[in-house]
Amino acid sequence: MTRARVETFHRRSLEDHGGQDGIRNEHGLESALAQPMNVYFYGQGDLYDMAAAYAYHLAENQPFIDGNKRTAVVTTLMFLESSGVLTSGITNAQLYDSMIAIAEKRLDKTGLAAVFREQLKA
């Protein structure tokens, strides 16, 4: 996912659901966007690990002023779809619960990848 695509997802999320536009943490955004490739090249992760890296790090790093978890979800789903994974197997409620669990430190990146593996088919 390019930074431009992620920023487009973020803007659309704000248009649809409201919130303040802007980047709070430039380095946090760049870091979050680099994590999936890091997982792939150095952690030998699969698509689900990479997807979890997008979701987890965008949500955790809070690079945008508002809409971080929404942007994380859309980015993750679009990454999976563009990689040939059907995302209809996971519900909005499951995604919401996962993002809240990350925010509350009850779910880590590995756990999120497991949720994706259980719910989605390549």
PDB file of N, CA and C in Angstrom:
ATOM      1  N   MET A   1       0.837  -1.172   0.000  1.00  0.00           N
ATOM      2  CA  MET A   1       0.000   0.000   0.000  1.00  0.00           C
ATOM      3  C   MET A   1       0.889   1.245   0.000  1.00  0.00           C
ATOM      4  N   THR A   2       0.607   2.115  -0.914  1.00  0.00           N
ATOM      5  CA  THR A   2       1.383   3.355  -0.955  1.00  0.00           C
ATOM      6  C   THR A   2       0.840   4.344   0.070  1.00  0.00           C
ATOM      7  N   ARG A   3       1.659   5.268   0.415  1.00  0.00           N
ATOM      8  CA  ARG A   3       1.226   6.316   1.345  1.00  0.00           C
ATOM      9  C   ARG A   3       0.054   7.095   0.753  1.00  0.00           C
ATOM     10  N   ALA A   4       0.111   7.376  -0.545  1.00  0.00           N
ATOM     11  CA  ALA A   4      -0.974   8.125  -1.192  1.00  0.00           C
ATOM     12  C   ALA A   4      -2.301   7.380  -1.070  1.00  0.00           C
ATOM     13  N   ARG A   5      -2.291   6.060  -1.247  1.00  0.00           N
ATOM     14  CA  ARG A   5      -3.531   5.283  -1.113  1.00  0.00           C
ATOM     15  C   ARG A   5      -4.053   5.343   0.325  1.00  0.00           C
ATOM     16  N   VAL A   6      -3.157   5.178   1.277  1.00  0.00           N
ATOM     17  CA  VAL A   6      -3.566   5.200   2.687  1.00  0.00           C
ATOM     18  C   VAL A   6      -4.138   6.573   3.046  1.00  0.00           C
ATOM     19  N   GLU A   7      -3.519   7.620   2.564  1.00  0.00           N
ATOM     20  CA  GLU A   7      -4.046   8.958   2.835  1.00  0.00           C
ATOM     21  C   GLU A   7      -5.405   9.164   2.163  1.00  0.00           C
ATOM     22  N   THR A   8      -5.606   8.561   1.001  1.00  0.00           N
ATOM     23  CA  THR A   8      -6.925   8.618   0.349  1.00  0.00           C
ATOM     24  C   THR A   8      -7.959   7.887   1.191  1.00  0.00           C
ATOM     25  N   PHE A   9      -7.616   6.702   1.679  1.00  0.00           N
ATOM     26  CA  PHE A   9      -8.537   5.966   2.561  1.00  0.00           C
ATOM     27  C   PHE A   9      -8.879   6.808   3.789  1.00  0.00           C
ATOM     28  N   HIS A  10      -7.881   7.475   4.336  1.00  0.00           N
ATOM     29  CA  HIS A  10      -8.088   8.303   5.520  1.00  0.00           C
ATOM     30  C   HIS A  10      -9.051   9.455   5.224  1.00  0.00           C
ATOM     31  N   ARG A  11      -8.818  10.146   4.120  1.00  0.00           N
ATOM     32  CA  ARG A  11      -9.698  11.273   3.751  1.00  0.00           C
ATOM     33  C   ARG A  11     -11.138  10.807   3.540  1.00  0.00           C
ATOM     34  N   ARG A  12     -11.304   9.690   2.855  1.00  0.00           N
ATOM     35  CA  ARG A  12     -12.660   9.162   2.618  1.00  0.00           C
ATOM     36  C   ARG A  12     -13.338   8.781   3.926  1.00  0.00           C
ATOM     37  N   SER A  13     -12.565   8.226   4.841  1.00  0.00           N
ATOM     38  CA  SER A  13     -13.114   7.874   6.149  1.00  0.00           C
ATOM     39  C   SER A  13     -13.607   9.119   6.884  1.00  0.00           C
ATOM     40  N   LEU A  14     -12.829  10.177   6.818  1.00  0.00           N
ATOM     41  CA  LEU A  14     -13.238  11.419   7.472  1.00  0.00           C
ATOM     42  C   LEU A  14     -14.472  12.009   6.798  1.00  0.00           C
ATOM     43  N   GLU A  15     -14.536  11.934   5.474  1.00  0.00           N
ATOM     44  CA  GLU A  15     -15.721  12.427   4.756  1.00  0.00           C
ATOM     45  C   GLU A  15     -16.965  11.652   5.157  1.00  0.00           C
ATOM     46  N   ASP A  16     -16.831  10.342   5.314  1.00  0.00           N
ATOM     47  CA  ASP A  16     -17.972   9.485   5.642  1.00  0.00           C
ATOM     48  C   ASP A  16     -18.366   9.528   7.116  1.00  0.00           C
ATOM     49  N   HIS A  17     -17.371   9.637   7.997  1.00  0.00           N
ATOM     50  CA  HIS A  17     -17.650   9.483   9.433  1.00  0.00           C
ATOM     51  C   HIS A  17     -17.264  10.679  10.288  1.00  0.00           C
ATOM     52  N   GLY A  18     -16.630  11.665   9.694  1.00  0.00           N
ATOM     53  CA  GLY A  18     -16.237  12.849  10.443  1.00  0.00           C
ATOM     54  C   GLY A  18     -14.897  12.695  11.129  1.00  0.00           C
ATOM     55  N   GLY A  19     -14.428  13.797  11.647  1.00  0.00           N
ATOM     56  CA  GLY A  19     -13.150  13.831  12.338  1.00  0.00           C
ATOM     57  C   GLY A  19     -12.274  14.920  11.768  1.00  0.00           C
ATOM     58  N   GLN A  20     -11.219  15.204  12.480  1.00  0.00           N
ATOM     59  CA  GLN A  20     -10.297  16.264  12.086  1.00  0.00           C
ATOM     60  C   GLN A  20      -9.205  15.700  11.183  1.00  0.00           C
ATOM     61  N   ASP A  21      -8.940  16.390  10.090  1.00  0.00           N
ATOM     62  CA  ASP A  21      -7.902  15.974   9.153  1.00  0.00           C
ATOM     63  C   ASP A  21      -6.532  16.400   9.667  1.00  0.00           C
ATOM     64  N   GLY A  22      -5.521  15.704   9.229  1.00  0.00           N
ATOM     65  CA  GLY A  22      -4.154  16.091   9.542  1.00  0.00           C
ATOM     66  C   GLY A  22      -3.333  14.929  10.046  1.00  0.00           C
ATOM     67  N   ILE A  23      -2.039  15.105   9.934  1.00  0.00           N
ATOM     68  CA  ILE A  23      -1.104  14.090  10.408  1.00  0.00           C
ATOM     69  C   ILE A  23      -0.513  14.556  11.727  1.00  0.00           C
ATOM     70  N   ARG A  24      -0.597  13.709  12.708  1.00  0.00           N
ATOM     71  CA  ARG A  24      -0.068  13.987  14.044  1.00  0.00           C
ATOM     72  C   ARG A  24       1.392  13.563  14.141  1.00  0.00           C
ATOM     73  N   ASN A  25       1.733  12.449  13.462  1.00  0.00           N
ATOM     74  CA  ASN A  25       3.045  11.857  13.637  1.00  0.00           C
ATOM     75  C   ASN A  25       3.557  11.333  12.291  1.00  0.00           C
ATOM     76  N   GLU A  26       4.315  12.160  11.626  1.00  0.00           N
ATOM     77  CA  GLU A  26       4.864  11.815  10.301  1.00  0.00           C
ATOM     78  C   GLU A  26       5.695  10.539  10.353  1.00  0.00           C
ATOM     79  N   HIS A  27       6.567  10.434  11.320  1.00  0.00           N
ATOM     80  CA  HIS A  27       7.419   9.250  11.434  1.00  0.00           C
ATOM     81  C   HIS A  27       6.605   8.013  11.797  1.00  0.00           C
ATOM     82  N   GLY A  28       5.575   8.197  12.582  1.00  0.00           N
ATOM     83  CA  GLY A  28       4.694   7.081  12.923  1.00  0.00           C
ATOM     84  C   GLY A  28       3.978   6.531  11.705  1.00  0.00           C
ATOM     85  N   LEU A  29       3.581   7.426  10.803  1.00  0.00           N
ATOM     86  CA  LEU A  29       2.932   6.992   9.568  1.00  0.00           C
ATOM     87  C   LEU A  29       3.917   6.224   8.693  1.00  0.00           C
ATOM     88  N   GLU A  30       5.094   6.780   8.492  1.00  0.00           N
ATOM     89  CA  GLU A  30       6.103   6.104   7.668  1.00  0.00           C
ATOM     90  C   GLU A  30       6.477   4.748   8.263  1.00  0.00           C
ATOM     91  N   SER A  31       6.617   4.700   9.559  1.00  0.00           N
ATOM     92  CA  SER A  31       6.950   3.443  10.228  1.00  0.00           C
ATOM     93  C   SER A  31       5.844   2.407  10.050  1.00  0.00           C
ATOM     94  N   ALA A  32       4.606   2.814  10.241  1.00  0.00           N
ATOM     95  CA  ALA A  32       3.477   1.892  10.092  1.00  0.00           C
ATOM     96  C   ALA A  32       3.406   1.328   8.679  1.00  0.00           C
ATOM     97  N   LEU A  33       3.678   2.161   7.690  1.00  0.00           N
ATOM     98  CA  LEU A  33       3.606   1.713   6.309  1.00  0.00           C
ATOM     99  C   LEU A  33       4.772   0.799   5.930  1.00  0.00           C
ATOM    100  N   ALA A  34       5.873   0.886   6.657  1.00  0.00           N
ATOM    101  CA  ALA A  34       7.024   0.029   6.380  1.00  0.00           C
ATOM    102  C   ALA A  34       6.927  -1.333   7.073  1.00  0.00           C
ATOM    103  N   GLN A  35       6.112  -1.442   8.094  1.00  0.00           N
ATOM    104  CA  GLN A  35       6.074  -2.670   8.889  1.00  0.00           C
ATOM    105  C   GLN A  35       5.685  -3.926   8.109  1.00  0.00           C
ATOM    106  N   PRO A  36       4.701  -3.882   7.221  1.00  0.00           N
ATOM    107  CA  PRO A  36       4.349  -5.109   6.494  1.00  0.00           C
ATOM    108  C   PRO A  36       5.505  -5.676   5.664  1.00  0.00           C
ATOM    109  N   MET A  37       6.285  -4.813   5.032  1.00  0.00           N
ATOM    110  CA  MET A  37       7.427  -5.292   4.257  1.00  0.00           C
ATOM    111  C   MET A  37       8.502  -5.838   5.188  1.00  0.00           C
ATOM    112  N   ASN A  38       8.641  -5.231   6.339  1.00  0.00           N
ATOM    113  CA  ASN A  38       9.577  -5.726   7.344  1.00  0.00           C
ATOM    114  C   ASN A  38       9.169  -7.135   7.787  1.00  0.00           C
ATOM    115  N   VAL A  39       7.892  -7.318   8.027  1.00  0.00           N
ATOM    116  CA  VAL A  39       7.360  -8.626   8.417  1.00  0.00           C
ATOM    117  C   VAL A  39       7.639  -9.648   7.316  1.00  0.00           C
ATOM    118  N   TYR A  40       7.422  -9.259   6.077  1.00  0.00           N
ATOM    119  CA  TYR A  40       7.604 -10.167   4.950  1.00  0.00           C
ATOM    120  C   TYR A  40       9.078 -10.554   4.759  1.00  0.00           C
ATOM    121  N   PHE A  41       9.950  -9.562   4.704  1.00  0.00           N
ATOM    122  CA  PHE A  41      11.347  -9.832   4.399  1.00  0.00           C
ATOM    123  C   PHE A  41      12.138 -10.394   5.575  1.00  0.00           C
ATOM    124  N   TYR A  42      11.863  -9.906   6.776  1.00  0.00           N
ATOM    125  CA  TYR A  42      12.685 -10.305   7.921  1.00  0.00           C
ATOM    126  C   TYR A  42      11.990 -11.278   8.862  1.00  0.00           C
ATOM    127  N   GLY A  43      10.673 -11.276   8.857  1.00  0.00           N
ATOM    128  CA  GLY A  43       9.945 -12.188   9.728  1.00  0.00           C
ATOM    129  C   GLY A  43       9.330 -13.350   8.979  1.00  0.00           C
ATOM    130  N   GLN A  44       9.507 -13.353   7.662  1.00  0.00           N
ATOM    131  CA  GLN A  44       8.940 -14.378   6.802  1.00  0.00           C
ATOM    132  C   GLN A  44       7.449 -14.585   7.054  1.00  0.00           C
ATOM    133  N   GLY A  45       6.745 -13.471   7.226  1.00  0.00           N
ATOM    134  CA  GLY A  45       5.316 -13.525   7.457  1.00  0.00           C
ATOM    135  C   GLY A  45       4.534 -13.753   6.170  1.00  0.00           C
ATOM    136  N   ASP A  46       3.333 -14.236   6.329  1.00  0.00           N
ATOM    137  CA  ASP A  46       2.449 -14.436   5.185  1.00  0.00           C
ATOM    138  C   ASP A  46       1.552 -13.212   5.000  1.00  0.00           C
ATOM    139  N   LEU A  47       0.594 -13.301   4.100  1.00  0.00           N
ATOM    140  CA  LEU A  47      -0.311 -12.173   3.835  1.00  0.00           C
ATOM    141  C   LEU A  47      -1.053 -11.731   5.089  1.00  0.00           C
ATOM    142  N   TYR A  48      -1.430 -12.671   5.928  1.00  0.00           N
ATOM    143  CA  TYR A  48      -2.186 -12.340   7.128  1.00  0.00           C
ATOM    144  C   TYR A  48      -1.312 -11.609   8.146  1.00  0.00           C
ATOM    145  N   ASP A  49      -0.051 -12.013   8.220  1.00  0.00           N
ATOM    146  CA  ASP A  49       0.887 -11.288   9.090  1.00  0.00           C
ATOM    147  C   ASP A  49       1.107  -9.867   8.573  1.00  0.00           C
ATOM    148  N   MET A  50       1.224  -9.739   7.263  1.00  0.00           N
ATOM    149  CA  MET A  50       1.416  -8.408   6.671  1.00  0.00           C
ATOM    150  C   MET A  50       0.175  -7.538   6.894  1.00  0.00           C
ATOM    151  N   ALA A  51      -1.004  -8.120   6.701  1.00  0.00           N
ATOM    152  CA  ALA A  51      -2.250  -7.381   6.924  1.00  0.00           C
ATOM    153  C   ALA A  51      -2.358  -6.935   8.379  1.00  0.00           C
ATOM    154  N   ALA A  52      -2.002  -7.833   9.277  1.00  0.00           N
ATOM    155  CA  ALA A  52      -2.041  -7.495  10.706  1.00  0.00           C
ATOM    156  C   ALA A  52      -1.057  -6.369  11.014  1.00  0.00           C
ATOM    157  N   ALA A  53       0.073  -6.356  10.323  1.00  0.00           N
ATOM    158  CA  ALA A  53       1.055  -5.294  10.543  1.00  0.00           C
ATOM    159  C   ALA A  53       0.474  -3.937  10.135  1.00  0.00           C
ATOM    160  N   TYR A  54      -0.236  -3.882   8.992  1.00  0.00           N
ATOM    161  CA  TYR A  54      -0.882  -2.622   8.603  1.00  0.00           C
ATOM    162  C   TYR A  54      -1.870  -2.191   9.683  1.00  0.00           C
ATOM    163  N   ALA A  55      -2.775  -3.081  10.043  1.00  0.00           N
ATOM    164  CA  ALA A  55      -3.823  -2.723  11.006  1.00  0.00           C
ATOM    165  C   ALA A  55      -3.240  -2.330  12.357  1.00  0.00           C
ATOM    166  N   TYR A  56      -2.364  -3.158  12.857  1.00  0.00           N
ATOM    167  CA  TYR A  56      -1.814  -2.941  14.188  1.00  0.00           C
ATOM    168  C   TYR A  56      -1.012  -1.641  14.276  1.00  0.00           C
ATOM    169  N   HIS A  57      -0.104  -1.441  13.346  1.00  0.00           N
ATOM    170  CA  HIS A  57       0.784  -0.281  13.451  1.00  0.00           C
ATOM    171  C   HIS A  57       0.089   1.033  13.108  1.00  0.00           C
ATOM    172  N   LEU A  58      -0.860   1.015  12.179  1.00  0.00           N
ATOM    173  CA  LEU A  58      -1.619   2.250  11.935  1.00  0.00           C
ATOM    174  C   LEU A  58      -2.475   2.602  13.151  1.00  0.00           C
ATOM    175  N   ALA A  59      -3.048   1.594  13.787  1.00  0.00           N
ATOM    176  CA  ALA A  59      -3.865   1.851  14.981  1.00  0.00           C
ATOM    177  C   ALA A  59      -2.993   2.263  16.169  1.00  0.00           C
ATOM    178  N   GLU A  60      -1.882   1.591  16.362  1.00  0.00           N
ATOM    179  CA  GLU A  60      -1.011   1.862  17.510  1.00  0.00           C
ATOM    180  C   GLU A  60      -0.229   3.167  17.389  1.00  0.00           C
ATOM    181  N   ASN A  61       0.289   3.446  16.207  1.00  0.00           N
ATOM    182  CA  ASN A  61       1.126   4.642  16.039  1.00  0.00           C
ATOM    183  C   ASN A  61       0.316   5.930  16.042  1.00  0.00           C
ATOM    184  N   GLN A  62      -0.993   5.832  15.787  1.00  0.00           N
ATOM    185  CA  GLN A  62      -1.866   7.000  15.784  1.00  0.00           C
ATOM    186  C   GLN A  62      -1.262   8.145  14.949  1.00  0.00           C
ATOM    187  N   PRO A  63      -0.919   7.875  13.681  1.00  0.00           N
ATOM    188  CA  PRO A  63      -0.270   8.925  12.893  1.00  0.00           C
ATOM    189  C   PRO A  63      -1.193  10.070  12.487  1.00  0.00           C
ATOM    190  N   PHE A  64      -2.491   9.800  12.391  1.00  0.00           N
ATOM    191  CA  PHE A  64      -3.442  10.834  11.997  1.00  0.00           C
ATOM    192  C   PHE A  64      -4.088  11.448  13.234  1.00  0.00           C
ATOM    193  N   ILE A  65      -4.609  12.638  13.091  1.00  0.00           N
ATOM    194  CA  ILE A  65      -5.276  13.287  14.217  1.00  0.00           C
ATOM    195  C   ILE A  65      -6.532  12.510  14.608  1.00  0.00           C
ATOM    196  N   ASP A  66      -7.319  12.087  13.617  1.00  0.00           N
ATOM    197  CA  ASP A  66      -8.531  11.292  13.839  1.00  0.00           C
ATOM    198  C   ASP A  66      -8.594  10.179  12.807  1.00  0.00           C
ATOM    199  N   GLY A  67      -9.358   9.153  13.120  1.00  0.00           N
ATOM    200  CA  GLY A  67      -9.659   8.109  12.141  1.00  0.00           C
ATOM    201  C   GLY A  67      -8.582   7.064  11.956  1.00  0.00           C
ATOM    202  N   ASN A  68      -7.729   6.878  12.927  1.00  0.00           N
ATOM    203  CA  ASN A  68      -6.630   5.925  12.780  1.00  0.00           C
ATOM    204  C   ASN A  68      -7.112   4.481  12.672  1.00  0.00           C
ATOM    205  N   LYS A  69      -8.014   4.075  13.537  1.00  0.00           N
ATOM    206  CA  LYS A  69      -8.489   2.692  13.493  1.00  0.00           C
ATOM    207  C   LYS A  69      -9.302   2.433  12.230  1.00  0.00           C
ATOM    208  N   ARG A  70     -10.115   3.396  11.814  1.00  0.00           N
ATOM    209  CA  ARG A  70     -10.881   3.232  10.566  1.00  0.00           C
ATOM    210  C   ARG A  70      -9.932   3.119   9.378  1.00  0.00           C
ATOM    211  N   THR A  71      -8.930   3.973   9.340  1.00  0.00           N
ATOM    212  CA  THR A  71      -7.950   3.926   8.255  1.00  0.00           C
ATOM    213  C   THR A  71      -7.193   2.601   8.283  1.00  0.00           C
ATOM    214  N   ALA A  72      -6.878   2.122   9.461  1.00  0.00           N
ATOM    215  CA  ALA A  72      -6.179   0.838   9.599  1.00  0.00           C
ATOM    216  C   ALA A  72      -7.020  -0.298   9.021  1.00  0.00           C
ATOM    217  N   VAL A  73      -8.305  -0.305   9.318  1.00  0.00           N
ATOM    218  CA  VAL A  73      -9.185  -1.366   8.828  1.00  0.00           C
ATOM    219  C   VAL A  73      -9.303  -1.314   7.308  1.00  0.00           C
ATOM    220  N   VAL A  74      -9.573  -0.144   6.765  1.00  0.00           N
ATOM    221  CA  VAL A  74      -9.730  -0.026   5.313  1.00  0.00           C
ATOM    222  C   VAL A  74      -8.432  -0.389   4.600  1.00  0.00           C
ATOM    223  N   THR A  75      -7.316   0.096   5.086  1.00  0.00           N
ATOM    224  CA  THR A  75      -6.026  -0.219   4.476  1.00  0.00           C
ATOM    225  C   THR A  75      -5.798  -1.726   4.480  1.00  0.00           C
ATOM    226  N   THR A  76      -6.080  -2.359   5.596  1.00  0.00           N
ATOM    227  CA  THR A  76      -5.892  -3.798   5.732  1.00  0.00           C
ATOM    228  C   THR A  76      -6.785  -4.571   4.771  1.00  0.00           C
ATOM    229  N   LEU A  77      -8.062  -4.207   4.726  1.00  0.00           N
ATOM    230  CA  LEU A  77      -8.984  -4.908   3.837  1.00  0.00           C
ATOM    231  C   LEU A  77      -8.607  -4.712   2.367  1.00  0.00           C
ATOM    232  N   MET A  78      -8.209  -3.516   2.021  1.00  0.00           N
ATOM    233  CA  MET A  78      -7.810  -3.256   0.633  1.00  0.00           C
ATOM    234  C   MET A  78      -6.517  -4.005   0.289  1.00  0.00           C
ATOM    235  N   PHE A  79      -5.595  -4.087   1.224  1.00  0.00           N
ATOM    236  CA  PHE A  79      -4.379  -4.869   1.002  1.00  0.00           C
ATOM    237  C   PHE A  79      -4.732  -6.332   0.751  1.00  0.00           C
ATOM    238  N   LEU A  80      -5.585  -6.888   1.598  1.00  0.00           N
ATOM    239  CA  LEU A  80      -5.959  -8.293   1.439  1.00  0.00           C
ATOM    240  C   LEU A  80      -6.689  -8.527   0.118  1.00  0.00           C
ATOM    241  N   GLU A  81      -7.646  -7.664  -0.197  1.00  0.00           N
ATOM    242  CA  GLU A  81      -8.392  -7.801  -1.455  1.00  0.00           C
ATOM    243  C   GLU A  81      -7.446  -7.733  -2.655  1.00  0.00           C
ATOM    244  N   SER A  82      -6.520  -6.790  -2.629  1.00  0.00           N
ATOM    245  CA  SER A  82      -5.591  -6.651  -3.755  1.00  0.00           C
ATOM    246  C   SER A  82      -4.626  -7.828  -3.839  1.00  0.00           C
ATOM    247  N   SER A  83      -4.541  -8.605  -2.770  1.00  0.00           N
ATOM    248  CA  SER A  83      -3.685  -9.795  -2.732  1.00  0.00           C
ATOM    249  C   SER A  83      -4.474 -11.070  -3.011  1.00  0.00           C
ATOM    250  N   GLY A  84      -5.748 -10.925  -3.359  1.00  0.00           N
ATOM    251  CA  GLY A  84      -6.560 -12.083  -3.716  1.00  0.00           C
ATOM    252  C   GLY A  84      -7.298 -12.744  -2.575  1.00  0.00           C
ATOM    253  N   VAL A  85      -7.350 -12.102  -1.422  1.00  0.00           N
ATOM    254  CA  VAL A  85      -8.052 -12.667  -0.271  1.00  0.00           C
ATOM    255  C   VAL A  85      -9.457 -12.087  -0.217  1.00  0.00           C
ATOM    256  N   LEU A  86     -10.452 -12.959  -0.146  1.00  0.00           N
ATOM    257  CA  LEU A  86     -11.836 -12.514  -0.011  1.00  0.00           C
ATOM    258  C   LEU A  86     -12.060 -12.074   1.427  1.00  0.00           C
ATOM    259  N   THR A  87     -12.488 -10.842   1.606  1.00  0.00           N
ATOM    260  CA  THR A  87     -12.625 -10.301   2.964  1.00  0.00           C
ATOM    261  C   THR A  87     -14.056 -10.346   3.485  1.00  0.00           C
ATOM    262  N   SER A  88     -14.948 -10.923   2.720  1.00  0.00           N
ATOM    263  CA  SER A  88     -16.350 -10.968   3.161  1.00  0.00           C
ATOM    264  C   SER A  88     -16.563 -11.908   4.342  1.00  0.00           C
ATOM    265  N   GLY A  89     -15.557 -12.715   4.671  1.00  0.00           N
ATOM    266  CA  GLY A  89     -15.689 -13.652   5.777  1.00  0.00           C
ATOM    267  C   GLY A  89     -15.562 -13.028   7.152  1.00  0.00           C
ATOM    268  N   ILE A  90     -15.158 -11.785   7.221  1.00  0.00           N
ATOM    269  CA  ILE A  90     -15.014 -11.119   8.516  1.00  0.00           C
ATOM    270  C   ILE A  90     -16.062 -10.013   8.610  1.00  0.00           C
ATOM    271  N   THR A  91     -16.705  -9.938   9.746  1.00  0.00           N
ATOM    272  CA  THR A  91     -17.784  -8.964   9.916  1.00  0.00           C
ATOM    273  C   THR A  91     -17.254  -7.635  10.443  1.00  0.00           C
ATOM    274  N   ASN A  92     -18.068  -6.610  10.276  1.00  0.00           N
ATOM    275  CA  ASN A  92     -17.720  -5.305  10.850  1.00  0.00           C
ATOM    276  C   ASN A  92     -17.558  -5.410  12.357  1.00  0.00           C
ATOM    277  N   ALA A  93     -18.396  -6.218  12.995  1.00  0.00           N
ATOM    278  CA  ALA A  93     -18.305  -6.389  14.445  1.00  0.00           C
ATOM    279  C   ALA A  93     -16.977  -7.025  14.841  1.00  0.00           C
ATOM    280  N   GLN A  94     -16.515  -8.016  14.077  1.00  0.00           N
ATOM    281  CA  GLN A  94     -15.228  -8.649  14.375  1.00  0.00           C
ATOM    282  C   GLN A  94     -14.080  -7.658  14.183  1.00  0.00           C
ATOM    283  N   LEU A  95     -14.152  -6.869  13.130  1.00  0.00           N
ATOM    284  CA  LEU A  95     -13.118  -5.858  12.897  1.00  0.00           C
ATOM    285  C   LEU A  95     -13.115  -4.820  14.009  1.00  0.00           C
ATOM    286  N   TYR A  96     -14.307  -4.353  14.371  1.00  0.00           N
ATOM    287  CA  TYR A  96     -14.426  -3.364  15.445  1.00  0.00           C
ATOM    288  C   TYR A  96     -13.846  -3.927  16.747  1.00  0.00           C
ATOM    289  N   ASP A  97     -14.269  -5.139  17.099  1.00  0.00           N
ATOM    290  CA  ASP A  97     -13.782  -5.752  18.333  1.00  0.00           C
ATOM    291  C   ASP A  97     -12.268  -5.915  18.321  1.00  0.00           C
ATOM    292  N   SER A  98     -11.719  -6.279  17.174  1.00  0.00           N
ATOM    293  CA  SER A  98     -10.269  -6.443  17.065  1.00  0.00           C
ATOM    294  C   SER A  98      -9.545  -5.123  17.252  1.00  0.00           C
ATOM    295  N   MET A  99     -10.059  -4.067  16.643  1.00  0.00           N
ATOM    296  CA  MET A  99      -9.403  -2.760  16.766  1.00  0.00           C
ATOM    297  C   MET A  99      -9.482  -2.234  18.197  1.00  0.00           C
ATOM    298  N   ILE A 100     -10.602  -2.442  18.847  1.00  0.00           N
ATOM    299  CA  ILE A 100     -10.730  -2.027  20.249  1.00  0.00           C
ATOM    300  C   ILE A 100      -9.795  -2.860  21.126  1.00  0.00           C
ATOM    301  N   ALA A 101      -9.699  -4.150  20.843  1.00  0.00           N
ATOM    302  CA  ALA A 101      -8.804  -5.014  21.614  1.00  0.00           C
ATOM    303  C   ALA A 101      -7.347  -4.573  21.451  1.00  0.00           C
ATOM    304  N   ILE A 102      -6.974  -4.125  20.263  1.00  0.00           N
ATOM    305  CA  ILE A 102      -5.618  -3.593  20.067  1.00  0.00           C
ATOM    306  C   ILE A 102      -5.433  -2.334  20.901  1.00  0.00           C
ATOM    307  N   ALA A 103      -6.404  -1.429  20.824  1.00  0.00           N
ATOM    308  CA  ALA A 103      -6.309  -0.165  21.575  1.00  0.00           C
ATOM    309  C   ALA A 103      -6.211  -0.411  23.076  1.00  0.00           C
ATOM    310  N   GLU A 104      -6.899  -1.449  23.551  1.00  0.00           N
ATOM    311  CA  GLU A 104      -6.902  -1.771  24.982  1.00  0.00           C
ATOM    312  C   GLU A 104      -5.786  -2.744  25.369  1.00  0.00           C
ATOM    313  N   LYS A 105      -4.904  -3.050  24.420  1.00  0.00           N
ATOM    314  CA  LYS A 105      -3.752  -3.939  24.669  1.00  0.00           C
ATOM    315  C   LYS A 105      -4.166  -5.362  25.020  1.00  0.00           C
ATOM    316  N   ARG A 106      -5.329  -5.790  24.544  1.00  0.00           N
ATOM    317  CA  ARG A 106      -5.772  -7.162  24.755  1.00  0.00           C
ATOM    318  C   ARG A 106      -5.465  -8.051  23.560  1.00  0.00           C
ATOM    319  N   LEU A 107      -5.050  -7.448  22.447  1.00  0.00           N
ATOM    320  CA  LEU A 107      -4.733  -8.192  21.231  1.00  0.00           C
ATOM    321  C   LEU A 107      -3.454  -7.618  20.638  1.00  0.00           C
ATOM    322  N   ASP A 108      -2.554  -8.506  20.277  1.00  0.00           N
ATOM    323  CA  ASP A 108      -1.315  -8.054  19.647  1.00  0.00           C
ATOM    324  C   ASP A 108      -1.350  -8.377  18.153  1.00  0.00           C
ATOM    325  N   LYS A 109      -0.272  -8.065  17.475  1.00  0.00           N
ATOM    326  CA  LYS A 109      -0.203  -8.243  16.025  1.00  0.00           C
ATOM    327  C   LYS A 109      -0.337  -9.724  15.640  1.00  0.00           C
ATOM    328  N   THR A 110       0.290 -10.598  16.390  1.00  0.00           N
ATOM    329  CA  THR A 110       0.206 -12.037  16.114  1.00  0.00           C
ATOM    330  C   THR A 110      -1.223 -12.537  16.291  1.00  0.00           C
ATOM    331  N   GLY A 111      -1.875 -12.057  17.324  1.00  0.00           N
ATOM    332  CA  GLY A 111      -3.268 -12.434  17.556  1.00  0.00           C
ATOM    333  C   GLY A 111      -4.191 -11.929  16.468  1.00  0.00           C
ATOM    334  N   LEU A 112      -3.921 -10.736  15.979  1.00  0.00           N
ATOM    335  CA  LEU A 112      -4.730 -10.185  14.897  1.00  0.00           C
ATOM    336  C   LEU A 112      -4.534 -10.989  13.619  1.00  0.00           C
ATOM    337  N   ALA A 113      -3.308 -11.391  13.326  1.00  0.00           N
ATOM    338  CA  ALA A 113      -3.054 -12.236  12.155  1.00  0.00           C
ATOM    339  C   ALA A 113      -3.828 -13.547  12.280  1.00  0.00           C
ATOM    340  N   ALA A 114      -3.901 -14.093  13.485  1.00  0.00           N
ATOM    341  CA  ALA A 114      -4.654 -15.335  13.704  1.00  0.00           C
ATOM    342  C   ALA A 114      -6.149 -15.124  13.434  1.00  0.00           C
ATOM    343  N   VAL A 115      -6.675 -13.984  13.848  1.00  0.00           N
ATOM    344  CA  VAL A 115      -8.089 -13.666  13.562  1.00  0.00           C
ATOM    345  C   VAL A 115      -8.304 -13.644  12.052  1.00  0.00           C
ATOM    346  N   PHE A 116      -7.424 -12.989  11.332  1.00  0.00           N
ATOM    347  CA  PHE A 116      -7.555 -12.914   9.875  1.00  0.00           C
ATOM    348  C   PHE A 116      -7.481 -14.309   9.256  1.00  0.00           C
ATOM    349  N   ARG A 117      -6.560 -15.133   9.691  1.00  0.00           N
ATOM    350  CA  ARG A 117      -6.411 -16.493   9.152  1.00  0.00           C
ATOM    351  C   ARG A 117      -7.675 -17.313   9.386  1.00  0.00           C
ATOM    352  N   GLU A 118      -8.261 -17.175  10.571  1.00  0.00           N
ATOM    353  CA  GLU A 118      -9.453 -17.941  10.921  1.00  0.00           C
ATOM    354  C   GLU A 118     -10.675 -17.505  10.117  1.00  0.00           C
ATOM    355  N   GLN A 119     -10.785 -16.209   9.843  1.00  0.00           N
ATOM    356  CA  GLN A 119     -12.001 -15.661   9.250  1.00  0.00           C
ATOM    357  C   GLN A 119     -11.958 -15.512   7.735  1.00  0.00           C
ATOM    358  N   LEU A 120     -10.778 -15.464   7.149  1.00  0.00           N
ATOM    359  CA  LEU A 120     -10.660 -15.145   5.728  1.00  0.00           C
ATOM    360  C   LEU A 120     -10.029 -16.281   4.944  1.00  0.00           C
ATOM    361  N   LYS A 121     -10.384 -16.316   3.687  1.00  0.00           N
ATOM    362  CA  LYS A 121      -9.853 -17.347   2.790  1.00  0.00           C
ATOM    363  C   LYS A 121      -9.089 -16.687   1.647  1.00  0.00           C
ATOM    364  N   ALA A 122      -7.931 -17.247   1.307  1.00  0.00           N
ATOM    365  CA  ALA A 122      -7.148 -16.750   0.163  1.00  0.00           C
ATOM    366  C   ALA A 122      -7.695 -17.324  -1.134  1.00  0.00           C
TER     367      ALA A 122
END
